Amino acid sequence: MTPEEKLRAKGIELITVERGDRPLVPWVRTGNLLFLSGAGPNWGGTVWRGQLGKEYTTQQGYEAARGCALNLLSAAKTALGELSRVRQVVKVLGMVNSAPGFSEQPQVVNGCSDLLVELFGEQGRHARSAVGMAGLPGGIPVEIEMILEVE
């Protein structure tokens, strides 16, 4: 089963991500690496604004991180044509908008990591950093960037 088929089985269809002509682009490919710019959690009409440990619980943050992963996967699919061209998820950097004292950033970013392993199996296992931030653009609770090895 392809990653897209696994997503469809969950009722999820990825979107097309326009590259645009601005200096900041959603992805850059160099050799066999695809670098994906940071993506927020807004997915499927859900708008997220607030901090973990204040407006959102760790479990809600986990769901926000899944939204980030879906946005990243949409960019990757647009760049590659199909996700089966992903050889390995190499690195994930998760940034969590954290209220003072909040320390469960890794559990939040697991929302992204778990989805990647569900879709890619062993090739979805990756190096990762999960860090707390005092704020993120637009007040979003989570932003994640990713590096993929691709065909």
N, C-alpha and C. Protein backbone atom coordinates (compact mmCIF):
# COMPACT_ATOMS: atom_id res chain seq x y z
N MET A 1 0.85 -1.18 0.00
CA MET A 1 0.00 0.00 0.00
C MET A 1 0.90 1.25 0.00
N THR A 2 0.62 2.19 -0.90
CA THR A 2 1.42 3.41 -0.96
C THR A 2 1.06 4.33 0.21
N PRO A 3 1.92 5.30 0.52
CA PRO A 3 1.57 6.26 1.58
C PRO A 3 0.24 6.98 1.28
N GLU A 4 0.03 7.35 0.01
CA GLU A 4 -1.23 8.03 -0.34
C GLU A 4 -2.44 7.12 -0.10
N GLU A 5 -2.30 5.82 -0.42
CA GLU A 5 -3.40 4.88 -0.17
C GLU A 5 -3.67 4.74 1.33
N LYS A 6 -2.61 4.71 2.13
CA LYS A 6 -2.78 4.63 3.58
C LYS A 6 -3.52 5.87 4.10
N LEU A 7 -3.18 7.04 3.55
CA LEU A 7 -3.87 8.27 3.96
C LEU A 7 -5.34 8.23 3.53
N ARG A 8 -5.59 7.79 2.28
CA ARG A 8 -6.98 7.71 1.79
C ARG A 8 -7.81 6.79 2.68
N ALA A 9 -7.20 5.70 3.14
CA ALA A 9 -7.91 4.76 4.02
C ALA A 9 -8.31 5.44 5.33
N LYS A 10 -7.60 6.50 5.70
CA LYS A 10 -7.93 7.28 6.90
C LYS A 10 -8.85 8.46 6.55
N GLY A 11 -9.24 8.56 5.28
CA GLY A 11 -10.11 9.65 4.84
C GLY A 11 -9.37 10.95 4.59
N ILE A 12 -8.07 10.86 4.31
CA ILE A 12 -7.24 12.06 4.14
C ILE A 12 -6.75 12.15 2.71
N GLU A 13 -6.96 13.29 2.08
CA GLU A 13 -6.41 13.59 0.75
C GLU A 13 -5.45 14.76 0.91
N LEU A 14 -4.24 14.60 0.41
CA LEU A 14 -3.26 15.68 0.48
C LEU A 14 -3.63 16.78 -0.50
N ILE A 15 -3.18 17.98 -0.23
CA ILE A 15 -3.46 19.13 -1.07
C ILE A 15 -2.24 19.45 -1.94
N THR A 16 -2.46 20.24 -2.98
CA THR A 16 -1.35 20.73 -3.80
C THR A 16 -0.80 21.99 -3.16
N VAL A 17 0.51 22.07 -3.07
CA VAL A 17 1.18 23.23 -2.47
C VAL A 17 1.90 23.98 -3.58
N GLU A 18 1.46 25.20 -3.82
CA GLU A 18 2.06 26.01 -4.87
C GLU A 18 3.45 26.47 -4.43
N ARG A 19 4.42 26.37 -5.33
CA ARG A 19 5.79 26.79 -5.00
C ARG A 19 5.90 28.31 -5.01
N GLY A 20 5.21 28.97 -5.92
CA GLY A 20 5.23 30.43 -5.97
C GLY A 20 6.54 30.97 -6.49
N ASP A 21 6.65 32.30 -6.52
CA ASP A 21 7.86 32.94 -7.04
C ASP A 21 8.51 33.85 -6.00
N ARG A 22 8.17 33.66 -4.76
CA ARG A 22 8.76 34.48 -3.69
C ARG A 22 10.10 33.87 -3.25
N PRO A 23 10.89 34.62 -2.50
CA PRO A 23 12.18 34.08 -2.06
C PRO A 23 12.05 32.83 -1.19
N LEU A 24 11.05 32.81 -0.32
CA LEU A 24 10.82 31.64 0.55
C LEU A 24 9.93 30.66 -0.19
N VAL A 25 10.40 29.43 -0.35
CA VAL A 25 9.62 28.41 -1.05
C VAL A 25 9.35 27.24 -0.11
N PRO A 26 8.30 26.45 -0.40
CA PRO A 26 7.93 25.36 0.51
C PRO A 26 8.91 24.19 0.51
N TRP A 27 9.72 24.06 -0.55
CA TRP A 27 10.72 23.00 -0.59
C TRP A 27 11.87 23.39 -1.50
N VAL A 28 13.01 22.77 -1.21
CA VAL A 28 14.20 22.87 -2.07
C VAL A 28 14.78 21.48 -2.16
N ARG A 29 15.05 21.07 -3.39
CA ARG A 29 15.69 19.78 -3.59
C ARG A 29 17.12 20.01 -4.04
N THR A 30 18.05 19.30 -3.40
CA THR A 30 19.44 19.30 -3.82
C THR A 30 19.91 17.85 -3.78
N GLY A 31 20.34 17.35 -4.93
CA GLY A 31 20.74 15.94 -5.01
C GLY A 31 19.57 15.06 -4.62
N ASN A 32 19.82 14.14 -3.68
CA ASN A 32 18.76 13.23 -3.26
C ASN A 32 18.10 13.66 -1.94
N LEU A 33 18.27 14.94 -1.58
CA LEU A 33 17.63 15.46 -0.36
C LEU A 33 16.56 16.48 -0.72
N LEU A 34 15.42 16.38 -0.04
CA LEU A 34 14.33 17.34 -0.17
C LEU A 34 14.16 18.02 1.18
N PHE A 35 14.43 19.33 1.21
CA PHE A 35 14.28 20.13 2.42
C PHE A 35 12.91 20.79 2.38
N LEU A 36 12.10 20.55 3.41
CA LEU A 36 10.77 21.12 3.49
C LEU A 36 10.75 22.25 4.51
N SER A 37 10.29 23.43 4.07
CA SER A 37 10.18 24.58 4.97
C SER A 37 9.21 24.28 6.10
N GLY A 38 9.35 25.01 7.18
CA GLY A 38 8.46 24.83 8.32
C GLY A 38 7.00 24.99 7.93
N ALA A 39 6.17 24.09 8.44
CA ALA A 39 4.73 24.11 8.17
C ALA A 39 3.98 24.15 9.49
N GLY A 40 2.90 24.91 9.49
CA GLY A 40 2.03 24.99 10.65
C GLY A 40 0.96 23.92 10.64
N PRO A 41 0.10 23.94 11.66
CA PRO A 41 -0.88 22.87 11.84
C PRO A 41 -2.21 23.08 11.15
N ASN A 42 -2.48 24.26 10.58
CA ASN A 42 -3.80 24.52 10.01
C ASN A 42 -4.07 23.53 8.87
N TRP A 43 -5.02 22.65 9.09
CA TRP A 43 -5.32 21.59 8.13
C TRP A 43 -6.82 21.31 8.15
N GLY A 44 -7.40 21.14 6.98
CA GLY A 44 -8.80 20.74 6.89
C GLY A 44 -9.77 21.71 7.54
N GLY A 45 -9.46 22.99 7.49
CA GLY A 45 -10.36 23.99 8.04
C GLY A 45 -10.14 24.29 9.51
N THR A 46 -9.28 23.53 10.18
CA THR A 46 -8.98 23.80 11.59
C THR A 46 -7.95 24.91 11.67
N VAL A 47 -8.25 25.94 12.45
CA VAL A 47 -7.31 27.05 12.67
C VAL A 47 -6.82 26.96 14.11
N TRP A 48 -5.52 26.95 14.26
CA TRP A 48 -4.88 26.82 15.57
C TRP A 48 -4.20 28.13 15.94
N ARG A 49 -4.46 28.62 17.15
CA ARG A 49 -3.79 29.80 17.70
C ARG A 49 -3.67 29.62 19.20
N GLY A 50 -2.45 29.65 19.72
CA GLY A 50 -2.27 29.55 21.16
C GLY A 50 -1.05 28.74 21.54
N GLN A 51 -0.85 28.63 22.83
CA GLN A 51 0.33 27.96 23.37
C GLN A 51 -0.03 26.64 24.03
N LEU A 52 0.92 25.72 23.95
CA LEU A 52 0.79 24.47 24.69
C LEU A 52 1.01 24.77 26.16
N GLY A 53 0.20 24.16 26.98
CA GLY A 53 0.29 24.41 28.42
C GLY A 53 -0.54 25.61 28.85
N LYS A 54 -1.17 26.27 27.90
CA LYS A 54 -2.05 27.41 28.21
C LYS A 54 -3.39 27.16 27.51
N GLU A 55 -3.46 27.41 26.21
CA GLU A 55 -4.71 27.18 25.48
C GLU A 55 -4.89 25.72 25.08
N TYR A 56 -3.78 24.98 24.95
CA TYR A 56 -3.87 23.61 24.44
C TYR A 56 -3.18 22.61 25.37
N THR A 57 -3.75 21.41 25.42
CA THR A 57 -3.16 20.30 26.16
C THR A 57 -2.12 19.61 25.28
N THR A 58 -1.37 18.72 25.87
CA THR A 58 -0.39 17.94 25.12
C THR A 58 -1.08 17.13 24.03
N GLN A 59 -2.22 16.51 24.33
CA GLN A 59 -2.94 15.71 23.33
C GLN A 59 -3.42 16.59 22.17
N GLN A 60 -3.90 17.78 22.47
CA GLN A 60 -4.30 18.70 21.39
C GLN A 60 -3.09 19.10 20.56
N GLY A 61 -1.96 19.31 21.21
CA GLY A 61 -0.73 19.62 20.50
C GLY A 61 -0.30 18.48 19.59
N TYR A 62 -0.50 17.24 20.05
CA TYR A 62 -0.21 16.05 19.24
C TYR A 62 -1.00 16.11 17.94
N GLU A 63 -2.28 16.46 18.04
CA GLU A 63 -3.14 16.57 16.85
C GLU A 63 -2.67 17.72 15.96
N ALA A 64 -2.25 18.83 16.55
CA ALA A 64 -1.71 19.95 15.77
C ALA A 64 -0.46 19.50 15.01
N ALA A 65 0.39 18.72 15.64
CA ALA A 65 1.60 18.24 14.98
C ALA A 65 1.27 17.31 13.82
N ARG A 66 0.19 16.55 13.94
CA ARG A 66 -0.27 15.72 12.81
C ARG A 66 -0.68 16.61 11.65
N GLY A 67 -1.33 17.73 11.94
CA GLY A 67 -1.68 18.68 10.89
C GLY A 67 -0.44 19.24 10.21
N CYS A 68 0.58 19.54 10.99
CA CYS A 68 1.86 19.98 10.41
C CYS A 68 2.40 18.91 9.47
N ALA A 69 2.37 17.65 9.91
CA ALA A 69 2.87 16.56 9.08
C ALA A 69 2.10 16.46 7.78
N LEU A 70 0.79 16.63 7.81
CA LEU A 70 -0.01 16.56 6.59
C LEU A 70 0.34 17.69 5.64
N ASN A 71 0.59 18.88 6.17
CA ASN A 71 1.03 19.99 5.32
C ASN A 71 2.40 19.71 4.71
N LEU A 72 3.31 19.16 5.49
CA LEU A 72 4.64 18.80 4.98
C LEU A 72 4.54 17.70 3.92
N LEU A 73 3.72 16.70 4.17
CA LEU A 73 3.55 15.62 3.20
C LEU A 73 2.91 16.13 1.91
N SER A 74 2.02 17.10 2.02
CA SER A 74 1.42 17.71 0.83
C SER A 74 2.49 18.40 -0.01
N ALA A 75 3.38 19.12 0.65
CA ALA A 75 4.48 19.78 -0.07
C ALA A 75 5.39 18.74 -0.72
N ALA A 76 5.70 17.67 0.01
CA ALA A 76 6.56 16.62 -0.53
C ALA A 76 5.90 15.94 -1.73
N LYS A 77 4.63 15.64 -1.63
CA LYS A 77 3.93 15.01 -2.76
C LYS A 77 3.91 15.94 -3.96
N THR A 78 3.67 17.22 -3.76
CA THR A 78 3.68 18.16 -4.87
C THR A 78 5.07 18.20 -5.51
N ALA A 79 6.11 18.21 -4.68
CA ALA A 79 7.49 18.28 -5.20
C ALA A 79 7.89 17.01 -5.94
N LEU A 80 7.45 15.85 -5.45
CA LEU A 80 7.92 14.56 -5.96
C LEU A 80 6.96 13.86 -6.92
N GLY A 81 5.69 14.23 -6.86
CA GLY A 81 4.68 13.54 -7.66
C GLY A 81 4.01 12.42 -6.91
N GLU A 82 4.77 11.69 -6.12
CA GLU A 82 4.21 10.62 -5.28
C GLU A 82 5.14 10.36 -4.10
N LEU A 83 4.53 10.04 -2.97
CA LEU A 83 5.30 9.86 -1.74
C LEU A 83 6.10 8.56 -1.73
N SER A 84 5.80 7.64 -2.61
CA SER A 84 6.60 6.41 -2.66
C SER A 84 8.03 6.68 -3.13
N ARG A 85 8.31 7.90 -3.57
CA ARG A 85 9.69 8.27 -3.94
C ARG A 85 10.52 8.65 -2.72
N VAL A 86 9.91 8.69 -1.54
CA VAL A 86 10.65 8.95 -0.30
C VAL A 86 11.39 7.68 0.09
N ARG A 87 12.71 7.78 0.19
CA ARG A 87 13.52 6.63 0.64
C ARG A 87 13.62 6.58 2.15
N GLN A 88 13.76 7.78 2.75
CA GLN A 88 13.97 7.85 4.20
C GLN A 88 13.57 9.23 4.70
N VAL A 89 12.84 9.26 5.81
CA VAL A 89 12.67 10.51 6.53
C VAL A 89 13.95 10.67 7.34
N VAL A 90 14.70 11.73 7.07
CA VAL A 90 16.02 11.89 7.67
C VAL A 90 15.94 12.64 8.98
N LYS A 91 15.30 13.81 8.98
CA LYS A 91 15.33 14.69 10.15
C LYS A 91 14.02 15.46 10.26
N VAL A 92 13.53 15.60 11.48
CA VAL A 92 12.36 16.41 11.79
C VAL A 92 12.76 17.39 12.89
N LEU A 93 12.41 18.65 12.69
CA LEU A 93 12.59 19.67 13.72
C LEU A 93 11.21 20.19 14.09
N GLY A 94 10.81 19.95 15.33
CA GLY A 94 9.51 20.40 15.82
C GLY A 94 9.69 21.54 16.80
N MET A 95 9.01 22.64 16.51
CA MET A 95 9.04 23.82 17.38
C MET A 95 7.66 23.99 18.01
N VAL A 96 7.62 24.06 19.32
CA VAL A 96 6.36 24.08 20.05
C VAL A 96 6.24 25.40 20.81
N ASN A 97 5.18 26.14 20.52
CA ASN A 97 4.87 27.39 21.19
C ASN A 97 4.45 27.04 22.62
N SER A 98 5.33 27.28 23.58
CA SER A 98 5.17 26.74 24.93
C SER A 98 4.98 27.82 25.98
N ALA A 99 3.96 27.63 26.81
CA ALA A 99 3.77 28.49 27.98
C ALA A 99 4.90 28.21 28.97
N PRO A 100 5.23 29.17 29.82
CA PRO A 100 6.27 28.94 30.82
C PRO A 100 5.98 27.66 31.62
N GLY A 101 7.01 26.84 31.76
CA GLY A 101 6.88 25.60 32.53
C GLY A 101 6.44 24.40 31.72
N PHE A 102 5.95 24.59 30.49
CA PHE A 102 5.54 23.45 29.67
C PHE A 102 6.79 22.70 29.21
N SER A 103 6.81 21.38 29.41
CA SER A 103 8.02 20.61 29.07
C SER A 103 7.72 19.33 28.29
N GLU A 104 6.55 19.24 27.67
CA GLU A 104 6.18 18.03 26.95
C GLU A 104 6.28 18.20 25.43
N GLN A 105 7.27 18.99 24.99
CA GLN A 105 7.46 19.20 23.55
C GLN A 105 7.64 17.88 22.79
N PRO A 106 8.43 16.92 23.30
CA PRO A 106 8.59 15.66 22.55
C PRO A 106 7.26 14.93 22.35
N GLN A 107 6.40 14.91 23.37
CA GLN A 107 5.12 14.23 23.24
C GLN A 107 4.22 14.93 22.22
N VAL A 108 4.33 16.24 22.10
CA VAL A 108 3.57 16.98 21.09
C VAL A 108 4.06 16.59 19.69
N VAL A 109 5.36 16.65 19.47
CA VAL A 109 5.93 16.40 18.14
C VAL A 109 5.77 14.93 17.74
N ASN A 110 5.49 14.05 18.71
CA ASN A 110 5.18 12.66 18.38
C ASN A 110 4.00 12.56 17.42
N GLY A 111 3.12 13.56 17.41
CA GLY A 111 1.99 13.55 16.48
C GLY A 111 2.46 13.51 15.04
N CYS A 112 3.55 14.16 14.74
CA CYS A 112 4.16 14.12 13.41
C CYS A 112 4.93 12.81 13.23
N SER A 113 5.78 12.50 14.17
CA SER A 113 6.64 11.31 14.06
C SER A 113 5.83 10.03 13.92
N ASP A 114 4.79 9.89 14.72
CA ASP A 114 3.97 8.68 14.66
C ASP A 114 3.32 8.52 13.29
N LEU A 115 2.83 9.61 12.71
CA LEU A 115 2.22 9.54 11.38
C LEU A 115 3.24 9.12 10.33
N LEU A 116 4.44 9.66 10.41
CA LEU A 116 5.48 9.31 9.44
C LEU A 116 5.81 7.82 9.49
N VAL A 117 5.88 7.26 10.69
CA VAL A 117 6.15 5.82 10.83
C VAL A 117 4.96 5.00 10.33
N GLU A 118 3.72 5.46 10.60
CA GLU A 118 2.54 4.77 10.08
C GLU A 118 2.58 4.68 8.56
N LEU A 119 3.00 5.76 7.90
CA LEU A 119 2.98 5.83 6.45
C LEU A 119 4.17 5.16 5.78
N PHE A 120 5.36 5.32 6.36
CA PHE A 120 6.58 4.86 5.70
C PHE A 120 7.25 3.67 6.37
N GLY A 121 6.72 3.22 7.49
CA GLY A 121 7.34 2.09 8.19
C GLY A 121 8.73 2.45 8.68
N GLU A 122 9.66 1.52 8.54
CA GLU A 122 11.03 1.74 9.02
C GLU A 122 11.66 2.97 8.38
N GLN A 123 11.31 3.29 7.13
CA GLN A 123 11.86 4.47 6.45
C GLN A 123 11.29 5.77 7.03
N GLY A 124 10.29 5.66 7.86
CA GLY A 124 9.72 6.84 8.51
C GLY A 124 10.40 7.19 9.82
N ARG A 125 11.22 6.26 10.34
CA ARG A 125 11.96 6.55 11.58
C ARG A 125 13.05 7.56 11.27
N HIS A 126 13.25 8.53 12.14
CA HIS A 126 14.09 9.69 11.80
C HIS A 126 14.79 10.27 13.02
N ALA A 127 15.83 11.05 12.75
CA ALA A 127 16.44 11.88 13.79
C ALA A 127 15.48 13.04 14.04
N ARG A 128 15.48 13.58 15.28
CA ARG A 128 14.50 14.60 15.58
C ARG A 128 14.95 15.50 16.71
N SER A 129 14.52 16.75 16.62
CA SER A 129 14.61 17.69 17.73
C SER A 129 13.21 18.22 17.99
N ALA A 130 12.87 18.38 19.26
CA ALA A 130 11.58 18.95 19.66
C ALA A 130 11.89 20.01 20.70
N VAL A 131 11.67 21.26 20.34
CA VAL A 131 12.08 22.36 21.21
C VAL A 131 10.91 23.29 21.52
N GLY A 132 11.00 23.94 22.67
CA GLY A 132 10.00 24.92 23.07
C GLY A 132 10.39 26.31 22.60
N MET A 133 9.40 27.08 22.21
CA MET A 133 9.59 28.46 21.76
C MET A 133 8.64 29.36 22.54
N ALA A 134 9.04 30.60 22.72
CA ALA A 134 8.18 31.58 23.41
C ALA A 134 7.04 32.04 22.51
N GLY A 135 7.16 31.83 21.22
CA GLY A 135 6.13 32.21 20.26
C GLY A 135 6.47 31.69 18.89
N LEU A 136 5.46 31.58 18.03
CA LEU A 136 5.64 31.16 16.65
C LEU A 136 4.82 32.08 15.76
N PRO A 137 5.11 32.14 14.45
CA PRO A 137 4.40 33.05 13.56
C PRO A 137 2.87 32.87 13.62
N GLY A 138 2.17 33.98 13.70
CA GLY A 138 0.71 33.94 13.73
C GLY A 138 0.13 33.32 14.98
N GLY A 139 0.97 33.07 15.98
CA GLY A 139 0.49 32.47 17.22
C GLY A 139 0.19 30.98 17.12
N ILE A 140 0.66 30.32 16.05
CA ILE A 140 0.39 28.89 15.92
C ILE A 140 1.09 28.12 17.04
N PRO A 141 0.51 26.98 17.45
CA PRO A 141 1.10 26.24 18.57
C PRO A 141 2.27 25.35 18.19
N VAL A 142 2.37 24.95 16.91
CA VAL A 142 3.42 24.04 16.48
C VAL A 142 3.84 24.39 15.06
N GLU A 143 5.14 24.33 14.79
CA GLU A 143 5.68 24.42 13.44
C GLU A 143 6.73 23.33 13.30
N ILE A 144 6.70 22.64 12.16
CA ILE A 144 7.62 21.53 11.96
C ILE A 144 8.26 21.66 10.58
N GLU A 145 9.55 21.36 10.51
CA GLU A 145 10.24 21.26 9.22
C GLU A 145 10.84 19.86 9.11
N MET A 146 11.18 19.48 7.86
CA MET A 146 11.59 18.09 7.65
C MET A 146 12.59 18.00 6.49
N ILE A 147 13.47 17.01 6.59
CA ILE A 147 14.40 16.67 5.51
C ILE A 147 14.15 15.22 5.12
N LEU A 148 14.01 15.00 3.81
CA LEU A 148 13.75 13.67 3.27
C LEU A 148 14.86 13.26 2.31
N GLU A 149 15.23 11.98 2.32
CA GLU A 149 16.04 11.41 1.26
C GLU A 149 15.06 10.86 0.23
N VAL A 150 15.27 11.22 -1.05
CA VAL A 150 14.32 10.86 -2.08
C VAL A 150 15.01 10.22 -3.28
N GLU A 151 14.22 9.54 -4.12
CA GLU A 151 14.74 8.96 -5.37
C GLU A 151 14.98 10.06 -6.37
